Structure formats: C-alpha cells, structure tokens
PDB file of N, CA and C in Angstrom:
ATOM      1  N   UNK A   1      70.641 114.279 114.776  1.00  0.00           N
ATOM      2  CA  UNK A   1      71.573 115.006 115.606  1.00  0.00           C
ATOM      3  C   UNK A   1      71.740 114.321 116.957  1.00  0.00           C
ATOM      4  N   UNK A   2      70.691 113.670 117.414  1.00  0.00           N
ATOM      5  CA  UNK A   2      70.763 112.947 118.680  1.00  0.00           C
ATOM      6  C   UNK A   2      71.797 111.825 118.599  1.00  0.00           C
ATOM      7  N   UNK A   3      71.874 111.179 117.442  1.00  0.00           N
ATOM      8  CA  UNK A   3      72.837 110.090 117.275  1.00  0.00           C
ATOM      9  C   UNK A   3      74.270 110.594 117.357  1.00  0.00           C
ATOM     10  N   UNK A   4      74.546 111.743 116.774  1.00  0.00           N
ATOM     11  CA  UNK A   4      75.894 112.312 116.818  1.00  0.00           C
ATOM     12  C   UNK A   4      76.248 112.710 118.250  1.00  0.00           C
ATOM     13  N   UNK A   5      75.304 113.298 118.971  1.00  0.00           N
ATOM     14  CA  UNK A   5      75.546 113.655 120.377  1.00  0.00           C
ATOM     15  C   UNK A   5      75.783 112.400 121.207  1.00  0.00           C
ATOM     16  N   UNK A   6      75.000 111.355 120.951  1.00  0.00           N
ATOM     17  CA  UNK A   6      75.202 110.085 121.650  1.00  0.00           C
ATOM     18  C   UNK A   6      76.561 109.481 121.357  1.00  0.00           C
ATOM     19  N   UNK A   7      77.006 109.608 120.108  1.00  0.00           N
ATOM     20  CA  UNK A   7      78.332 109.107 119.730  1.00  0.00           C
ATOM     21  C   UNK A   7      79.426 109.867 120.468  1.00  0.00           C
ATOM     22  N   UNK A   8      79.307 111.178 120.550  1.00  0.00           N
ATOM     23  CA  UNK A   8      80.294 111.982 121.263  1.00  0.00           C
ATOM     24  C   UNK A   8      80.305 111.633 122.746  1.00  0.00           C
ATOM     25  N   UNK A   9      79.144 111.468 123.343  1.00  0.00           N
ATOM     26  CA  UNK A   9      79.074 111.085 124.757  1.00  0.00           C
ATOM     27  C   UNK A   9      79.696 109.710 124.966  1.00  0.00           C
ATOM     28  N   UNK A  10      79.425 108.780 124.059  1.00  0.00           N
ATOM     29  CA  UNK A  10      80.021 107.446 124.157  1.00  0.00           C
ATOM     30  C   UNK A  10      81.535 107.478 124.062  1.00  0.00           C
ATOM     31  N   UNK A  11      82.063 108.322 123.183  1.00  0.00           N
ATOM     32  CA  UNK A  11      83.515 108.454 123.059  1.00  0.00           C
ATOM     33  C   UNK A  11      84.102 109.021 124.343  1.00  0.00           C
ATOM     34  N   UNK A  12      83.461 110.040 124.900  1.00  0.00           N
ATOM     35  CA  UNK A  12      83.962 110.630 126.137  1.00  0.00           C
ATOM     36  C   UNK A  12      83.934 109.628 127.299  1.00  0.00           C
ATOM     37  N   UNK A  13      82.873 108.839 127.376  1.00  0.00           N
ATOM     38  CA  UNK A  13      82.802 107.810 128.426  1.00  0.00           C
ATOM     39  C   UNK A  13      83.915 106.791 128.235  1.00  0.00           C
ATOM     40  N   UNK A  14      84.151 106.398 126.998  1.00  0.00           N
ATOM     41  CA  UNK A  14      85.219 105.445 126.711  1.00  0.00           C
ATOM     42  C   UNK A  14      86.594 105.983 127.059  1.00  0.00           C
ATOM     43  N   UNK A  15      86.810 107.271 126.795  1.00  0.00           N
ATOM     44  CA  UNK A  15      88.115 107.875 127.101  1.00  0.00           C
ATOM     45  C   UNK A  15      88.345 107.945 128.600  1.00  0.00           C
ATOM     46  N   UNK A  16      87.329 108.345 129.347  1.00  0.00           N
ATOM     47  CA  UNK A  16      87.513 108.515 130.783  1.00  0.00           C
ATOM     48  C   UNK A  16      87.391 107.212 131.570  1.00  0.00           C
ATOM     49  N   UNK A  17      86.553 106.293 131.125  1.00  0.00           N
ATOM     50  CA  UNK A  17      86.381 105.030 131.851  1.00  0.00           C
ATOM     51  C   UNK A  17      87.500 104.037 131.535  1.00  0.00           C
ATOM     52  N   UNK A  18      88.114 104.158 130.370  1.00  0.00           N
ATOM     53  CA  UNK A  18      89.187 103.286 129.905  1.00  0.00           C
ATOM     54  C   UNK A  18      88.851 101.806 130.112  1.00  0.00           C
ATOM     55  N   UNK A  19      87.839 101.323 129.401  1.00  0.00           N
ATOM     56  CA  UNK A  19      87.457  99.917 129.562  1.00  0.00           C
ATOM     57  C   UNK A  19      88.532  98.992 128.986  1.00  0.00           C
ATOM     58  N   UNK A  20      88.625  97.805 129.544  1.00  0.00           N
ATOM     59  CA  UNK A  20      89.577  96.827 129.008  1.00  0.00           C
ATOM     60  C   UNK A  20      88.885  96.031 127.898  1.00  0.00           C
ATOM     61  N   UNK A  21      89.622  95.765 126.850  1.00  0.00           N
ATOM     62  CA  UNK A  21      89.097  95.038 125.702  1.00  0.00           C
ATOM     63  C   UNK A  21      89.576  93.593 125.805  1.00  0.00           C
ATOM     64  N   UNK A  22      88.667  92.619 125.724  1.00  0.00           N
ATOM     65  CA  UNK A  22      89.106  91.219 125.757  1.00  0.00           C
ATOM     66  C   UNK A  22      90.075  90.923 124.614  1.00  0.00           C
ATOM     67  N   UNK A  23      91.026  90.059 124.871  1.00  0.00           N
ATOM     68  CA  UNK A  23      92.067  89.740 123.894  1.00  0.00           C
ATOM     69  C   UNK A  23      91.466  89.216 122.593  1.00  0.00           C
ATOM     70  N   UNK A  24      90.366  88.473 122.673  1.00  0.00           N
ATOM     71  CA  UNK A  24      89.747  87.910 121.476  1.00  0.00           C
ATOM     72  C   UNK A  24      89.193  88.992 120.549  1.00  0.00           C
ATOM     73  N   UNK A  25      88.818  90.136 121.097  1.00  0.00           N
ATOM     74  CA  UNK A  25      88.222  91.201 120.289  1.00  0.00           C
ATOM     75  C   UNK A  25      89.235  92.230 119.807  1.00  0.00           C
ATOM     76  N   UNK A  26      90.447  92.204 120.328  1.00  0.00           N
ATOM     77  CA  UNK A  26      91.428  93.221 119.986  1.00  0.00           C
ATOM     78  C   UNK A  26      91.770  93.288 118.498  1.00  0.00           C
ATOM     79  N   UNK A  27      91.839  92.182 117.755  1.00  0.00           N
ATOM     80  CA  UNK A  27      92.123  92.322 116.317  1.00  0.00           C
ATOM     81  C   UNK A  27      90.999  93.021 115.546  1.00  0.00           C
ATOM     82  N   UNK A  28      89.791  93.010 116.094  1.00  0.00           N
ATOM     83  CA  UNK A  28      88.638  93.569 115.397  1.00  0.00           C
ATOM     84  C   UNK A  28      88.402  95.041 115.718  1.00  0.00           C
ATOM     85  N   UNK A  29      88.920  95.505 116.834  1.00  0.00           N
ATOM     86  CA  UNK A  29      88.631  96.866 117.281  1.00  0.00           C
ATOM     87  C   UNK A  29      89.106  97.939 116.305  1.00  0.00           C
ATOM     88  N   UNK A  30      90.344  97.896 115.794  1.00  0.00           N
ATOM     89  CA  UNK A  30      90.759  98.968 114.881  1.00  0.00           C
ATOM     90  C   UNK A  30      89.896  99.064 113.626  1.00  0.00           C
ATOM     91  N   UNK A  31      89.547  97.927 113.053  1.00  0.00           N
ATOM     92  CA  UNK A  31      88.737  97.953 111.838  1.00  0.00           C
ATOM     93  C   UNK A  31      87.324  98.435 112.146  1.00  0.00           C
ATOM     94  N   UNK A  32      86.813  98.107 113.329  1.00  0.00           N
ATOM     95  CA  UNK A  32      85.484  98.567 113.715  1.00  0.00           C
ATOM     96  C   UNK A  32      85.475 100.082 113.927  1.00  0.00           C
ATOM     97  N   UNK A  33      86.540 100.617 114.485  1.00  0.00           N
ATOM     98  CA  UNK A  33      86.635 102.064 114.688  1.00  0.00           C
ATOM     99  C   UNK A  33      86.698 102.786 113.340  1.00  0.00           C
ATOM    100  N   UNK A  34      87.478 102.268 112.409  1.00  0.00           N
ATOM    101  CA  UNK A  34      87.575 102.885 111.081  1.00  0.00           C
ATOM    102  C   UNK A  34      86.220 102.801 110.362  1.00  0.00           C
ATOM    103  N   UNK A  35      85.520 101.687 110.506  1.00  0.00           N
ATOM    104  CA  UNK A  35      84.205 101.544 109.884  1.00  0.00           C
ATOM    105  C   UNK A  35      83.207 102.537 110.478  1.00  0.00           C
ATOM    106  N   UNK A  36      83.259 102.729 111.787  1.00  0.00           N
ATOM    107  CA  UNK A  36      82.374 103.705 112.428  1.00  0.00           C
ATOM    108  C   UNK A  36      82.726 105.119 111.986  1.00  0.00           C
ATOM    109  N   UNK A  37      84.028 105.401 111.856  1.00  0.00           N
ATOM    110  CA  UNK A  37      84.454 106.722 111.397  1.00  0.00           C
ATOM    111  C   UNK A  37      83.992 106.971 109.960  1.00  0.00           C
ATOM    112  N   UNK A  38      84.008 105.929 109.137  1.00  0.00           N
ATOM    113  CA  UNK A  38      83.502 106.044 107.775  1.00  0.00           C
ATOM    114  C   UNK A  38      82.035 106.443 107.788  1.00  0.00           C
ATOM    115  N   UNK A  39      81.254 105.815 108.647  1.00  0.00           N
ATOM    116  CA  UNK A  39      79.826 106.159 108.746  1.00  0.00           C
ATOM    117  C   UNK A  39      79.642 107.592 109.239  1.00  0.00           C
ATOM    118  N   UNK A  40      80.486 108.016 110.164  1.00  0.00           N
ATOM    119  CA  UNK A  40      80.394 109.367 110.710  1.00  0.00           C
ATOM    120  C   UNK A  40      80.713 110.415 109.638  1.00  0.00           C
ATOM    121  N   UNK A  41      81.759 110.189 108.862  1.00  0.00           N
ATOM    122  CA  UNK A  41      82.118 111.133 107.800  1.00  0.00           C
ATOM    123  C   UNK A  41      81.050 111.120 106.707  1.00  0.00           C
ATOM    124  N   UNK A  42      80.504 109.947 106.409  1.00  0.00           N
ATOM    125  CA  UNK A  42      79.401 109.879 105.445  1.00  0.00           C
ATOM    126  C   UNK A  42      78.182 110.635 105.926  1.00  0.00           C
ATOM    127  N   UNK A  43      77.908 110.563 107.215  1.00  0.00           N
ATOM    128  CA  UNK A  43      76.782 111.312 107.774  1.00  0.00           C
ATOM    129  C   UNK A  43      77.031 112.816 107.692  1.00  0.00           C
ATOM    130  N   UNK A  44      78.275 113.222 107.926  1.00  0.00           N
ATOM    131  CA  UNK A  44      78.604 114.644 107.808  1.00  0.00           C
ATOM    132  C   UNK A  44      78.402 115.124 106.375  1.00  0.00           C
ATOM    133  N   UNK A  45      78.819 114.302 105.417  1.00  0.00           N
ATOM    134  CA  UNK A  45      78.612 114.662 104.008  1.00  0.00           C
ATOM    135  C   UNK A  45      77.121 114.789 103.707  1.00  0.00           C
ATOM    136  N   UNK A  46      76.325 113.827 104.170  1.00  0.00           N
ATOM    137  CA  UNK A  46      74.876 113.896 103.953  1.00  0.00           C
ATOM    138  C   UNK A  46      74.265 115.116 104.620  1.00  0.00           C
ATOM    139  N   UNK A  47      74.796 115.507 105.765  1.00  0.00           N
ATOM    140  CA  UNK A  47      74.297 116.699 106.453  1.00  0.00           C
ATOM    141  C   UNK A  47      74.528 117.932 105.596  1.00  0.00           C
ATOM    142  N   UNK A  48      75.733 118.065 105.042  1.00  0.00           N
ATOM    143  CA  UNK A  48      76.032 119.228 104.210  1.00  0.00           C
ATOM    144  C   UNK A  48      75.235 119.216 102.909  1.00  0.00           C
ATOM    145  N   UNK A  49      74.908 118.042 102.418  1.00  0.00           N
ATOM    146  CA  UNK A  49      74.108 117.937 101.196  1.00  0.00           C
ATOM    147  C   UNK A  49      72.609 117.997 101.488  1.00  0.00           C
ATOM    148  N   UNK A  50      72.259 118.260 102.741  1.00  0.00           N
ATOM    149  CA  UNK A  50      70.854 118.353 103.187  1.00  0.00           C
ATOM    150  C   UNK A  50      70.099 117.046 102.944  1.00  0.00           C
ATOM    151  N   UNK A  51      70.816 115.944 103.145  1.00  0.00           N
ATOM    152  CA  UNK A  51      70.236 114.630 102.895  1.00  0.00           C
ATOM    153  C   UNK A  51      70.405 113.721 104.116  1.00  0.00           C
ATOM    154  N   UNK A  52      70.626 114.305 105.299  1.00  0.00           N
ATOM    155  CA  UNK A  52      70.921 113.526 106.500  1.00  0.00           C
ATOM    156  C   UNK A  52      69.654 112.906 107.074  1.00  0.00           C
ATOM    157  N   UNK A  53      69.772 111.654 107.479  1.00  0.00           N
ATOM    158  CA  UNK A  53      68.695 110.944 108.161  1.00  0.00           C
ATOM    159  C   UNK A  53      69.306 110.230 109.355  1.00  0.00           C
ATOM    160  N   UNK A  54      68.761 110.494 110.536  1.00  0.00           N
ATOM    161  CA  UNK A  54      69.327 109.859 111.724  1.00  0.00           C
ATOM    162  C   UNK A  54      69.137 108.345 111.691  1.00  0.00           C
ATOM    163  N   UNK A  55      68.043 107.879 111.147  1.00  0.00           N
ATOM    164  CA  UNK A  55      67.825 106.432 111.030  1.00  0.00           C
ATOM    165  C   UNK A  55      68.838 105.796 110.082  1.00  0.00           C
ATOM    166  N   UNK A  56      69.074 106.454 108.961  1.00  0.00           N
ATOM    167  CA  UNK A  56      70.067 105.941 108.018  1.00  0.00           C
ATOM    168  C   UNK A  56      71.456 105.947 108.642  1.00  0.00           C
ATOM    169  N   UNK A  57      71.761 106.951 109.461  1.00  0.00           N
ATOM    170  CA  UNK A  57      73.054 107.020 110.129  1.00  0.00           C
ATOM    171  C   UNK A  57      73.228 105.850 111.096  1.00  0.00           C
ATOM    172  N   UNK A  58      72.198 105.558 111.880  1.00  0.00           N
ATOM    173  CA  UNK A  58      72.270 104.449 112.842  1.00  0.00           C
ATOM    174  C   UNK A  58      72.448 103.129 112.101  1.00  0.00           C
ATOM    175  N   UNK A  59      71.671 102.921 111.054  1.00  0.00           N
ATOM    176  CA  UNK A  59      71.793 101.687 110.269  1.00  0.00           C
ATOM    177  C   UNK A  59      73.168 101.602 109.628  1.00  0.00           C
ATOM    178  N   UNK A  60      73.660 102.722 109.130  1.00  0.00           N
ATOM    179  CA  UNK A  60      74.969 102.749 108.472  1.00  0.00           C
ATOM    180  C   UNK A  60      76.093 102.427 109.448  1.00  0.00           C
ATOM    181  N   UNK A  61      76.073 103.018 110.616  1.00  0.00           N
ATOM    182  CA  UNK A  61      77.167 102.786 111.561  1.00  0.00           C
ATOM    183  C   UNK A  61      77.151 101.340 112.054  1.00  0.00           C
ATOM    184  N   UNK A  62      75.969 100.807 112.330  1.00  0.00           N
ATOM    185  CA  UNK A  62      75.883  99.422 112.811  1.00  0.00           C
ATOM    186  C   UNK A  62      76.278  98.448 111.707  1.00  0.00           C
ATOM    187  N   UNK A  63      75.747  98.651 110.508  1.00  0.00           N
ATOM    188  CA  UNK A  63      76.063  97.720 109.424  1.00  0.00           C
ATOM    189  C   UNK A  63      77.535  97.807 109.023  1.00  0.00           C
ATOM    190  N   UNK A  64      78.111  99.007 108.987  1.00  0.00           N
ATOM    191  CA  UNK A  64      79.534  99.130 108.667  1.00  0.00           C
ATOM    192  C   UNK A  64      80.396  98.370 109.664  1.00  0.00           C
ATOM    193  N   UNK A  65      80.112  98.538 110.948  1.00  0.00           N
ATOM    194  CA  UNK A  65      80.913  97.892 111.992  1.00  0.00           C
ATOM    195  C   UNK A  65      80.753  96.374 111.921  1.00  0.00           C
ATOM    196  N   UNK A  66      79.537  95.902 111.768  1.00  0.00           N
ATOM    197  CA  UNK A  66      79.295  94.459 111.738  1.00  0.00           C
ATOM    198  C   UNK A  66      79.925  93.829 110.492  1.00  0.00           C
ATOM    199  N   UNK A  67      79.735  94.446 109.341  1.00  0.00           N
ATOM    200  CA  UNK A  67      80.300  93.884 108.110  1.00  0.00           C
ATOM    201  C   UNK A  67      81.823  93.885 108.161  1.00  0.00           C
ATOM    202  N   UNK A  68      82.418  94.969 108.638  1.00  0.00           N
ATOM    203  CA  UNK A  68      83.878  95.026 108.735  1.00  0.00           C
ATOM    204  C   UNK A  68      84.409  93.954 109.687  1.00  0.00           C
ATOM    205  N   UNK A  69      83.751  93.780 110.823  1.00  0.00           N
ATOM    206  CA  UNK A  69      84.187  92.754 111.781  1.00  0.00           C
ATOM    207  C   UNK A  69      84.019  91.358 111.191  1.00  0.00           C
ATOM    208  N   UNK A  70      82.924  91.132 110.474  1.00  0.00           N
ATOM    209  CA  UNK A  70      82.717  89.824 109.853  1.00  0.00           C
ATOM    210  C   UNK A  70      83.748  89.543 108.763  1.00  0.00           C
ATOM    211  N   UNK A  71      84.144  90.569 108.020  1.00  0.00           N
ATOM    212  CA  UNK A  71      85.179  90.372 107.007  1.00  0.00           C
ATOM    213  C   UNK A  71      86.519  90.020 107.636  1.00  0.00           C
ATOM    214  N   UNK A  72      86.846  90.672 108.739  1.00  0.00           N
ATOM    215  CA  UNK A  72      88.098  90.340 109.439  1.00  0.00           C
ATOM    216  C   UNK A  72      88.009  88.929 110.014  1.00  0.00           C
ATOM    217  N   UNK A  73      86.866  88.567 110.580  1.00  0.00           N
ATOM    218  CA  UNK A  73      86.675  87.212 111.099  1.00  0.00           C
ATOM    219  C   UNK A  73      86.822  86.185 109.980  1.00  0.00           C
ATOM    220  N   UNK A  74      86.212  86.453 108.843  1.00  0.00           N
ATOM    221  CA  UNK A  74      86.322  85.559 107.689  1.00  0.00           C
ATOM    222  C   UNK A  74      87.783  85.422 107.251  1.00  0.00           C
ATOM    223  N   UNK A  75      88.477  86.539 107.195  1.00  0.00           N
ATOM    224  CA  UNK A  75      89.891  86.494 106.829  1.00  0.00           C
ATOM    225  C   UNK A  75      90.725  85.695 107.814  1.00  0.00           C
ATOM    226  N   UNK A  76      90.431  85.831 109.100  1.00  0.00           N
ATOM    227  CA  UNK A  76      91.145  85.047 110.116  1.00  0.00           C
ATOM    228  C   UNK A  76      90.844  83.562 109.976  1.00  0.00           C
ATOM    229  N   UNK A  77      89.602  83.221 109.664  1.00  0.00           N
ATOM    230  CA  UNK A  77      89.228  81.821 109.490  1.00  0.00           C
ATOM    231  C   UNK A  77      89.902  81.211 108.265  1.00  0.00           C
ATOM    232  N   UNK A  78      90.103  82.029 107.236  1.00  0.00           N
ATOM    233  CA  UNK A  78      90.731  81.544 106.008  1.00  0.00           C
ATOM    234  C   UNK A  78      92.253  81.589 106.082  1.00  0.00           C
ATOM    235  N   UNK A  79      92.786  82.222 107.111  1.00  0.00           N
ATOM    236  CA  UNK A  79      94.229  82.327 107.248  1.00  0.00           C
ATOM    237  C   UNK A  79      94.836  83.504 106.518  1.00  0.00           C
ATOM    238  N   UNK A  80      94.011  84.408 106.064  1.00  0.00           N
ATOM    239  CA  UNK A  80      94.504  85.600 105.364  1.00  0.00           C
ATOM    240  C   UNK A  80      93.991  86.859 106.062  1.00  0.00           C
ATOM    241  N   UNK A  81      93.969  86.827 107.379  1.00  0.00           N
ATOM    242  CA  UNK A  81      93.392  87.919 108.165  1.00  0.00           C
ATOM    243  C   UNK A  81      94.028  89.263 107.900  1.00  0.00           C
ATOM    244  N   UNK A  82      95.360  89.307 107.858  1.00  0.00           N
ATOM    245  CA  UNK A  82      96.010  90.605 107.685  1.00  0.00           C
ATOM    246  C   UNK A  82      95.769  91.167 106.288  1.00  0.00           C
ATOM    247  N   UNK A  83      95.742  90.308 105.276  1.00  0.00           N
ATOM    248  CA  UNK A  83      95.495  90.789 103.915  1.00  0.00           C
ATOM    249  C   UNK A  83      94.069  91.313 103.759  1.00  0.00           C
ATOM    250  N   UNK A  84      93.105  90.591 104.311  1.00  0.00           N
ATOM    251  CA  UNK A  84      91.722  91.040 104.205  1.00  0.00           C
ATOM    252  C   UNK A  84      91.488  92.297 105.040  1.00  0.00           C
ATOM    253  N   UNK A  85      92.141  92.376 106.195  1.00  0.00           N
ATOM    254  CA  UNK A  85      92.045  93.579 107.011  1.00  0.00           C
ATOM    255  C   UNK A  85      92.595  94.778 106.250  1.00  0.00           C
ATOM    256  N   UNK A  86      93.716  94.589 105.583  1.00  0.00           N
ATOM    257  CA  UNK A  86      94.304  95.673 104.784  1.00  0.00           C
ATOM    258  C   UNK A  86      93.360  96.086 103.668  1.00  0.00           C
ATOM    259  N   UNK A  87      92.746  95.121 103.008  1.00  0.00           N
ATOM    260  CA  UNK A  87      91.808  95.437 101.926  1.00  0.00           C
ATOM    261  C   UNK A  87      90.616  96.240 102.446  1.00  0.00           C
ATOM    262  N   UNK A  88      90.078  95.838 103.586  1.00  0.00           N
ATOM    263  CA  UNK A  88      88.942  96.558 104.172  1.00  0.00           C
ATOM    264  C   UNK A  88      89.363  97.976 104.548  1.00  0.00           C
ATOM    265  N   UNK A  89      90.548  98.116 105.126  1.00  0.00           N
ATOM    266  CA  UNK A  89      91.033  99.445 105.505  1.00  0.00           C
ATOM    267  C   UNK A  89      91.234 100.338 104.281  1.00  0.00           C
ATOM    268  N   UNK A  90      91.719  99.775 103.201  1.00  0.00           N
ATOM    269  CA  UNK A  90      91.907 100.562 101.978  1.00  0.00           C
ATOM    270  C   UNK A  90      90.558 101.045 101.438  1.00  0.00           C
ATOM    271  N   UNK A  91      89.592 100.154 101.380  1.00  0.00           N
ATOM    272  CA  UNK A  91      88.266 100.536 100.875  1.00  0.00           C
ATOM    273  C   UNK A  91      87.627 101.595 101.766  1.00  0.00           C
ATOM    274  N   UNK A  92      87.678 101.388 103.074  1.00  0.00           N
ATOM    275  CA  UNK A  92      87.093 102.378 103.981  1.00  0.00           C
ATOM    276  C   UNK A  92      87.867 103.688 103.920  1.00  0.00           C
ATOM    277  N   UNK A  93      89.171 103.615 103.782  1.00  0.00           N
ATOM    278  CA  UNK A  93      89.976 104.827 103.666  1.00  0.00           C
ATOM    279  C   UNK A  93      89.617 105.625 102.427  1.00  0.00           C
ATOM    280  N   UNK A  94      89.411 104.937 101.316  1.00  0.00           N
ATOM    281  CA  UNK A  94      89.007 105.621 100.087  1.00  0.00           C
ATOM    282  C   UNK A  94      87.660 106.307 100.287  1.00  0.00           C
ATOM    283  N   UNK A  95      86.732 105.618 100.931  1.00  0.00           N
ATOM    284  CA  UNK A  95      85.413 106.222 101.191  1.00  0.00           C
ATOM    285  C   UNK A  95      85.517 107.430 102.112  1.00  0.00           C
ATOM    286  N   UNK A  96      86.340 107.319 103.149  1.00  0.00           N
ATOM    287  CA  UNK A  96      86.508 108.436 104.089  1.00  0.00           C
ATOM    288  C   UNK A  96      87.076 109.644 103.366  1.00  0.00           C
ATOM    289  N   UNK A  97      88.125 109.431 102.561  1.00  0.00           N
ATOM    290  CA  UNK A  97      88.746 110.561 101.873  1.00  0.00           C
ATOM    291  C   UNK A  97      87.839 111.140 100.780  1.00  0.00           C
ATOM    292  N   UNK A  98      87.063 110.315 100.109  1.00  0.00           N
ATOM    293  CA  UNK A  98      86.151 110.866  99.095  1.00  0.00           C
ATOM    294  C   UNK A  98      85.040 111.673  99.759  1.00  0.00           C
ATOM    295  N   UNK A  99      84.538 111.211 100.898  1.00  0.00           N
ATOM    296  CA  UNK A  99      83.538 111.990 101.628  1.00  0.00           C
ATOM    297  C   UNK A  99      84.140 113.275 102.174  1.00  0.00           C
ATOM    298  N   UNK A 100      85.369 113.207 102.682  1.00  0.00           N
ATOM    299  CA  UNK A 100      86.035 114.407 103.195  1.00  0.00           C
ATOM    300  C   UNK A 100      86.268 115.415 102.070  1.00  0.00           C
ATOM    301  N   UNK A 101      86.600 114.919 100.889  1.00  0.00           N
ATOM    302  CA  UNK A 101      86.782 115.802  99.743  1.00  0.00           C
ATOM    303  C   UNK A 101      85.477 116.490  99.386  1.00  0.00           C
ATOM    304  N   UNK A 102      84.378 115.755  99.395  1.00  0.00           N
ATOM    305  CA  UNK A 102      83.068 116.345  99.096  1.00  0.00           C
ATOM    306  C   UNK A 102      82.693 117.397 100.140  1.00  0.00           C
ATOM    307  N   UNK A 103      82.994 117.129 101.400  1.00  0.00           N
ATOM    308  CA  UNK A 103      82.712 118.099 102.457  1.00  0.00           C
ATOM    309  C   UNK A 103      83.548 119.353 102.254  1.00  0.00           C
ATOM    310  N   UNK A 104      84.830 119.155 101.956  1.00  0.00           N
ATOM    311  CA  UNK A 104      85.724 120.302 101.738  1.00  0.00           C
ATOM    312  C   UNK A 104      85.246 121.135 100.551  1.00  0.00           C
ATOM    313  N   UNK A 105      84.824 120.498  99.467  1.00  0.00           N
ATOM    314  CA  UNK A 105      84.315 121.229  98.303  1.00  0.00           C
ATOM    315  C   UNK A 105      83.067 122.019  98.664  1.00  0.00           C
ATOM    316  N   UNK A 106      82.207 121.433  99.481  1.00  0.00           N
ATOM    317  CA  UNK A 106      80.994 122.128  99.882  1.00  0.00           C
ATOM    318  C   UNK A 106      81.318 123.339 100.728  1.00  0.00           C
ATOM    319  N   UNK A 107      82.242 123.200 101.658  1.00  0.00           N
ATOM    320  CA  UNK A 107      82.574 124.296 102.577  1.00  0.00           C
ATOM    321  C   UNK A 107      83.284 125.439 101.851  1.00  0.00           C
ATOM    322  N   UNK A 108      84.217 125.101 100.951  1.00  0.00           N
ATOM    323  CA  UNK A 108      85.042 126.129 100.343  1.00  0.00           C
ATOM    324  C   UNK A 108      84.610 126.521  98.931  1.00  0.00           C
ATOM    325  N   UNK A 109      83.437 126.132  98.521  1.00  0.00           N
ATOM    326  CA  UNK A 109      83.013 126.472  97.164  1.00  0.00           C
ATOM    327  C   UNK A 109      82.589 127.929  97.038  1.00  0.00           C
ATOM    328  N   UNK A 110      82.174 128.527  98.129  1.00  0.00           N
ATOM    329  CA  UNK A 110      81.630 129.889  98.009  1.00  0.00           C
ATOM    330  C   UNK A 110      82.374 130.930  98.653  1.00  0.00           C
TER     331      UNK A 110
END
C-alpha cells in the first residue's frame, strides 16, 4: 500500500511541478507511462484476488517501464520505432483491459 501512496504522491508532484522532459526522452515517455499503468492495474487485480505483494508491485513497475523503453529504443535503432511502439502498446493495452475485466468481474459478481 505504501507503493501505491508513493505513486499517487509522485503523480501529484509531477502535475504541480510540471518538469520539462528532455527531447531525447520524449519518444519513450508515453510507452513508459502505459507500462507503469499496466503494472498499476495488475496490482489492483492482485489486490482484489488477495494476492498483492508490494515487492512484486515495485519489481513489476520497474521491469515493465525498463523493458518497454528498451523495446522502443531497439525499434528506433532498427528503424522500425513506430511499428514496435505500436506492438508494445497493443500488448500492454490487452493486458490492461484483461486485468480491468477481471477487476470488474470481481466487483460485480455478488
């Protein structure tokens, strides 16, 4: 739960401080945000299934963001950055919606 509170505080600081993003990192930011959101929705699903672990959540959010950024970097190096970015977004989107569906089923089953 501490990790989720820290994430919310970090988002609020980001909204109010409005940091500038270096131009070199701007292509990676959207995919990193979607990857972090995927980890957050997965953590919510694990919470409802009584299987939540704060350590697993931290590892999941960091690994999702790093792997997604590395895939976009690899795609840019190969010259197929937009196609690989789209593929990563589709996969993460499917995971987000499947986790959201599981959460919705849990909430409205009874």
